[in-house]
Amino acid sequence: MFPLELNGENHRVLLVNINPGGPGGSATQYFTSDFNGNTFKPDSAKQKWMIFTLIC
């Protein structure tokens, strides 16, 4: 989890690596939230996936 400032507001980003089980096999989901030090409350229930392209 790491901090992120977005539109002047502080948020936290949580990354979750999935292998297998993501779209196409391995994948990474991310969640943005408010975090008070104890409770992580996602900003949205919608699934969010990181997308990348490998160019060889």
N, C-alpha and C. Protein backbone atom coordinates (compact mmCIF):
# COMPACT_ATOMS: atom_id res chain seq x y z
N MET A 1 0.85 -1.15 0.00
CA MET A 1 0.00 0.00 0.00
C MET A 1 0.91 1.23 0.00
N PHE A 2 0.48 2.25 -0.77
CA PHE A 2 1.28 3.46 -0.83
C PHE A 2 0.36 4.68 -0.93
N PRO A 3 0.86 5.86 -0.49
CA PRO A 3 0.05 7.07 -0.54
C PRO A 3 0.00 7.66 -1.94
N LEU A 4 -1.08 8.38 -2.24
CA LEU A 4 -1.25 9.04 -3.53
C LEU A 4 -2.09 10.29 -3.30
N GLU A 5 -1.60 11.41 -3.81
CA GLU A 5 -2.39 12.64 -3.75
C GLU A 5 -3.11 12.79 -5.09
N LEU A 6 -4.43 12.92 -5.04
CA LEU A 6 -5.25 13.00 -6.24
C LEU A 6 -6.23 14.15 -6.07
N ASN A 7 -6.14 15.14 -6.95
CA ASN A 7 -7.02 16.32 -6.88
C ASN A 7 -6.97 16.99 -5.51
N GLY A 8 -5.78 17.04 -4.93
CA GLY A 8 -5.61 17.69 -3.63
C GLY A 8 -6.05 16.88 -2.43
N GLU A 9 -6.50 15.64 -2.67
CA GLU A 9 -6.93 14.77 -1.58
C GLU A 9 -5.95 13.62 -1.42
N ASN A 10 -5.72 13.21 -0.17
CA ASN A 10 -4.83 12.09 0.10
C ASN A 10 -5.60 10.78 0.06
N HIS A 11 -5.06 9.81 -0.65
CA HIS A 11 -5.66 8.48 -0.77
C HIS A 11 -4.56 7.45 -0.53
N ARG A 12 -4.93 6.21 -0.44
CA ARG A 12 -4.00 5.09 -0.38
C ARG A 12 -4.33 4.17 -1.54
N VAL A 13 -3.31 3.53 -2.07
CA VAL A 13 -3.50 2.56 -3.16
C VAL A 13 -3.00 1.21 -2.66
N LEU A 14 -3.84 0.20 -2.80
CA LEU A 14 -3.50 -1.17 -2.42
C LEU A 14 -3.40 -1.99 -3.69
N LEU A 15 -2.27 -2.69 -3.88
CA LEU A 15 -2.08 -3.57 -5.03
C LEU A 15 -2.24 -5.02 -4.58
N VAL A 16 -2.94 -5.81 -5.40
CA VAL A 16 -3.14 -7.23 -5.11
C VAL A 16 -2.73 -8.01 -6.35
N ASN A 17 -1.67 -8.82 -6.23
CA ASN A 17 -1.21 -9.66 -7.34
C ASN A 17 -1.93 -11.00 -7.30
N ILE A 18 -2.42 -11.44 -8.46
CA ILE A 18 -3.21 -12.67 -8.55
C ILE A 18 -2.54 -13.60 -9.55
N ASN A 19 -2.27 -14.85 -9.13
CA ASN A 19 -1.67 -15.83 -10.03
C ASN A 19 -2.02 -17.22 -9.55
N PRO A 20 -2.73 -18.01 -10.28
CA PRO A 20 -3.57 -17.66 -11.43
C PRO A 20 -4.90 -17.12 -10.94
N GLY A 21 -5.76 -16.76 -11.86
CA GLY A 21 -7.10 -16.31 -11.51
C GLY A 21 -7.46 -14.96 -12.07
N GLY A 22 -6.47 -14.23 -12.56
CA GLY A 22 -6.76 -12.95 -13.19
C GLY A 22 -7.14 -13.14 -14.64
N PRO A 23 -7.58 -12.09 -15.28
CA PRO A 23 -7.90 -12.21 -16.70
C PRO A 23 -6.65 -12.59 -17.50
N GLY A 24 -6.68 -13.69 -18.17
CA GLY A 24 -5.52 -14.14 -18.94
C GLY A 24 -4.45 -14.81 -18.10
N GLY A 25 -4.72 -15.14 -16.84
CA GLY A 25 -3.72 -15.79 -15.98
C GLY A 25 -3.32 -14.88 -14.83
N SER A 26 -2.06 -14.47 -14.81
CA SER A 26 -1.56 -13.58 -13.76
C SER A 26 -2.07 -12.16 -14.02
N ALA A 27 -2.33 -11.42 -12.94
CA ALA A 27 -2.81 -10.05 -13.09
C ALA A 27 -2.62 -9.30 -11.78
N THR A 28 -2.82 -7.99 -11.84
CA THR A 28 -2.75 -7.15 -10.64
C THR A 28 -4.00 -6.29 -10.57
N GLN A 29 -4.66 -6.34 -9.42
CA GLN A 29 -5.79 -5.46 -9.15
C GLN A 29 -5.30 -4.32 -8.28
N TYR A 30 -5.99 -3.17 -8.36
CA TYR A 30 -5.66 -2.08 -7.45
C TYR A 30 -6.95 -1.50 -6.88
N PHE A 31 -6.82 -0.97 -5.68
CA PHE A 31 -7.94 -0.35 -4.98
C PHE A 31 -7.46 0.98 -4.42
N THR A 32 -8.24 2.04 -4.62
CA THR A 32 -7.95 3.32 -3.98
C THR A 32 -8.88 3.45 -2.78
N SER A 33 -8.42 4.15 -1.75
CA SER A 33 -9.23 4.21 -0.53
C SER A 33 -8.80 5.32 0.40
N ASP A 34 -9.60 5.46 1.44
CA ASP A 34 -9.19 6.19 2.62
C ASP A 34 -8.69 5.14 3.60
N PHE A 35 -7.63 5.44 4.33
CA PHE A 35 -7.07 4.49 5.29
C PHE A 35 -6.76 5.25 6.56
N ASN A 36 -7.37 4.84 7.65
CA ASN A 36 -7.18 5.56 8.91
C ASN A 36 -6.11 4.93 9.80
N GLY A 37 -5.33 4.01 9.26
CA GLY A 37 -4.32 3.32 10.05
C GLY A 37 -4.77 1.95 10.51
N ASN A 38 -6.08 1.71 10.51
CA ASN A 38 -6.63 0.42 10.90
C ASN A 38 -7.58 -0.17 9.86
N THR A 39 -8.37 0.71 9.23
CA THR A 39 -9.43 0.24 8.34
C THR A 39 -9.21 0.76 6.93
N PHE A 40 -9.23 -0.16 5.96
CA PHE A 40 -9.11 0.17 4.54
C PHE A 40 -10.51 0.14 3.95
N LYS A 41 -11.03 1.29 3.51
CA LYS A 41 -12.37 1.37 2.94
C LYS A 41 -12.24 1.79 1.47
N PRO A 42 -12.42 0.84 0.53
CA PRO A 42 -12.27 1.18 -0.89
C PRO A 42 -13.23 2.29 -1.32
N ASP A 43 -12.76 3.13 -2.26
CA ASP A 43 -13.58 4.20 -2.81
C ASP A 43 -14.70 3.64 -3.69
N SER A 44 -14.50 2.45 -4.25
CA SER A 44 -15.47 1.87 -5.17
C SER A 44 -15.46 0.35 -5.04
N ALA A 45 -16.60 -0.28 -5.28
CA ALA A 45 -16.68 -1.74 -5.29
C ALA A 45 -16.31 -2.31 -6.65
N LYS A 46 -16.17 -1.44 -7.65
CA LYS A 46 -15.83 -1.87 -9.01
C LYS A 46 -14.40 -2.44 -9.06
N GLN A 47 -14.23 -3.57 -9.77
CA GLN A 47 -12.90 -4.15 -9.91
C GLN A 47 -12.06 -3.27 -10.84
N LYS A 48 -10.82 -3.05 -10.46
CA LYS A 48 -9.89 -2.25 -11.26
C LYS A 48 -8.65 -3.08 -11.51
N TRP A 49 -8.24 -3.17 -12.76
CA TRP A 49 -7.10 -3.99 -13.15
C TRP A 49 -6.01 -3.13 -13.75
N MET A 50 -4.76 -3.41 -13.38
CA MET A 50 -3.62 -2.74 -14.01
C MET A 50 -3.38 -3.44 -15.34
N ILE A 51 -3.14 -2.64 -16.37
CA ILE A 51 -2.92 -3.18 -17.70
C ILE A 51 -1.53 -2.74 -18.15
N PHE A 52 -0.79 -3.69 -18.69
CA PHE A 52 0.53 -3.37 -19.19
C PHE A 52 0.77 -4.13 -20.49
N THR A 53 1.71 -3.62 -21.27
CA THR A 53 2.07 -4.26 -22.53
C THR A 53 3.56 -4.53 -22.51
N LEU A 54 3.92 -5.74 -22.84
CA LEU A 54 5.33 -6.12 -22.91
C LEU A 54 5.75 -6.09 -24.37
N ILE A 55 6.73 -5.28 -24.67
CA ILE A 55 7.23 -5.17 -26.05
C ILE A 55 8.62 -5.76 -26.09
N CYS A 56 8.81 -6.76 -26.94
CA CYS A 56 10.12 -7.41 -27.07
C CYS A 56 10.77 -7.05 -28.37
